[in-house]
Structures are given as structure tokens and as C-alpha cells.
Amino acid sequence: MTGNPLLDLLVLAIPAALAALWWTGSRAHELAIGHARQACQQRQLQFLDQSVALSRMRPGRTRRGSGCFKREYRFEFTSAGEFRDEASVTMLGHTLLNVWFPYTRDSEGNRIYVH
């Protein structure tokens, strides 16, 4: 290749690392869509656009101490079809950490906002 072993290693390692990042990110994205859809169904909400968008990604650690990425995805939902509200799904690697909705409903159907 270039004759410099360190440069040859970088030429091979950087594309491999980017491919691995894309591969694990696409799986986490698919899982986040499934978790968002399921959370909306459980709360009798409509999951809009059938998609989530990555809003934040940072390094994290699993319970075993191995490194992974903590990803936060945003998605939109509606309860009555009038308003588009936003919620989030947080994934640690391929494991669900939480699904957060900005409000819950009381027994009369009124919104109770969570802060």
C-alpha cells in the first residue's frame, strides 16, 4: 500500500470503524422504531410518520462495562389527531433505556404534563 505500516493500518481501520458504526446505528434505529410504536399502542396513541430521528448520540457503558453508544431518538405522536406532540426513545447500544412522553392522561382524558 503506502509502505508506512501505521498509515496502512489507518487506511483499513477508519472505513471499517465507520461501517461498524453505521451497522450498529441502523439496528438501534430499527429497534427504536419498534419501541416507539409499542409504547404508543400501549397508551392508545397514534405513532406519526412511522419513524424516529436521531437527536443525540454519546459514548456510554453497558452494565458489564463494555463501551457502546447511548442514542436518543425523537418521534411524534398524537392522541386526538389535532396536535403533533414529541416524545423520545433512549437506547444504550441495542437495549432500551426508556421511552419518555411529555404528558400522561387522567381518568377524564385531560393532559397532565410531566416535568
Protein backbone atom coordinates (compact mmCIF):
# COMPACT_ATOMS: atom_id res chain seq x y z
CA MET A 1 0.00 0.00 0.00
CA THR A 2 1.84 3.14 1.18
CA GLY A 3 4.87 1.49 2.77
CA ASN A 4 4.13 3.07 6.15
CA PRO A 5 2.58 0.40 8.43
CA LEU A 6 0.76 2.94 10.62
CA LEU A 7 -0.77 4.70 7.64
CA ASP A 8 -1.75 1.36 6.10
CA LEU A 9 -3.49 0.42 9.35
CA LEU A 10 -5.39 3.73 9.42
CA VAL A 11 -6.42 3.33 5.78
CA LEU A 12 -8.03 0.00 6.69
CA ALA A 13 -9.29 0.79 10.21
CA ILE A 14 -11.14 4.04 9.55
CA PRO A 15 -13.53 2.66 6.87
CA ALA A 16 -14.07 -0.47 8.99
CA ALA A 17 -14.95 1.64 12.04
CA LEU A 18 -17.36 3.79 10.00
CA ALA A 19 -19.04 0.68 8.58
CA ALA A 20 -19.42 -0.77 12.10
CA LEU A 21 -20.87 2.49 13.38
CA TRP A 22 -23.40 2.57 10.54
CA TRP A 23 -24.28 -1.12 11.05
CA THR A 24 -24.93 -0.82 14.79
CA GLY A 25 -26.70 2.52 14.34
CA SER A 26 -29.13 1.13 11.78
CA ARG A 27 -30.06 -1.77 14.09
CA ALA A 28 -30.56 0.59 17.05
CA HIS A 29 -32.75 2.79 14.81
CA GLU A 30 -34.94 -0.18 13.83
CA LEU A 31 -35.32 -1.20 17.48
CA ALA A 32 -36.18 2.37 18.49
CA ILE A 33 -38.98 2.46 15.90
CA GLY A 34 -40.40 -0.76 17.33
CA HIS A 35 -40.22 0.52 20.92
CA ALA A 36 -41.87 3.84 19.97
CA ARG A 37 -44.64 2.03 18.09
CA GLN A 38 -45.26 -0.33 21.00
CA ALA A 39 -45.27 2.48 23.58
CA CYS A 40 -47.83 4.41 21.52
CA GLN A 41 -50.06 1.34 21.19
CA GLN A 42 -49.92 0.74 24.95
CA ARG A 43 -51.01 4.34 25.61
CA GLN A 44 -53.62 4.29 22.83
CA LEU A 45 -51.79 6.99 20.86
CA GLN A 46 -51.14 7.27 17.16
CA PHE A 47 -47.47 6.90 16.19
CA LEU A 48 -47.00 9.51 13.45
CA ASP A 49 -44.80 9.13 10.36
CA GLN A 50 -43.78 5.60 11.48
CA SER A 51 -40.26 6.91 12.07
CA VAL A 52 -37.80 8.18 14.68
CA ALA A 53 -34.98 10.69 14.26
CA LEU A 54 -31.62 10.57 15.99
CA SER A 55 -31.34 13.66 18.17
CA ARG A 56 -28.33 12.84 20.35
CA MET A 57 -25.53 10.29 20.45
CA ARG A 58 -22.77 10.00 23.02
CA PRO A 59 -20.46 7.29 24.38
CA GLY A 60 -21.86 5.07 27.10
CA ARG A 61 -21.18 1.85 29.01
CA THR A 62 -23.28 -1.25 29.47
CA ARG A 63 -23.75 -2.89 32.89
CA ARG A 64 -20.84 -5.17 32.07
CA GLY A 65 -18.62 -2.18 31.40
CA SER A 66 -18.24 -2.58 27.65
CA GLY A 67 -18.36 0.54 25.52
CA CYS A 68 -21.30 1.40 23.31
CA PHE A 69 -23.27 4.42 22.21
CA LYS A 70 -26.20 5.97 24.03
CA ARG A 71 -28.62 7.23 21.39
CA GLU A 72 -31.69 9.39 21.87
CA TYR A 73 -34.36 9.33 19.18
CA ARG A 74 -37.31 11.70 18.85
CA PHE A 75 -40.68 10.77 17.40
CA GLU A 76 -44.08 12.37 17.04
CA PHE A 77 -47.45 11.12 18.20
CA THR A 78 -50.99 12.38 18.57
CA SER A 79 -53.79 11.48 20.94
CA ALA A 80 -56.78 13.01 19.20
CA GLY A 81 -55.40 13.83 15.77
CA GLU A 82 -55.34 17.57 16.45
CA PHE A 83 -51.81 18.15 17.72
CA ARG A 84 -48.41 16.66 16.95
CA ASP A 85 -46.56 16.03 20.19
CA GLU A 86 -42.97 14.86 20.55
CA ALA A 87 -41.60 12.05 22.70
CA SER A 88 -38.27 10.26 22.89
CA VAL A 89 -36.72 6.80 23.00
CA THR A 90 -33.31 6.31 24.61
CA MET A 91 -31.22 3.29 23.63
CA LEU A 92 -27.96 2.09 25.17
CA GLY A 93 -26.43 0.04 22.41
CA HIS A 94 -29.33 -2.18 21.37
CA THR A 95 -31.01 -2.08 24.79
CA LEU A 96 -33.99 0.13 25.57
CA LEU A 97 -33.34 2.51 28.46
CA ASN A 98 -36.63 4.41 28.40
CA VAL A 99 -39.47 5.88 26.38
CA TRP A 100 -40.41 9.35 27.56
CA PHE A 101 -43.73 11.08 26.83
CA PRO A 102 -44.25 14.74 27.82
CA TYR A 103 -47.59 14.04 29.46
CA THR A 104 -49.96 11.39 30.72
CA ARG A 105 -53.75 11.48 30.91
CA ASP A 106 -56.00 11.50 33.93
CA SER A 107 -59.22 9.50 34.28
CA GLU A 108 -61.16 12.21 32.40
CA GLY A 109 -58.74 12.28 29.48
CA ASN A 110 -57.08 15.60 30.36
CA ARG A 111 -53.36 16.04 29.77
CA ILE A 112 -51.11 16.04 32.82
CA TYR A 113 -47.66 17.29 31.85
CA VAL A 114 -44.58 15.61 33.28
CA HIS A 115 -41.62 17.88 34.03
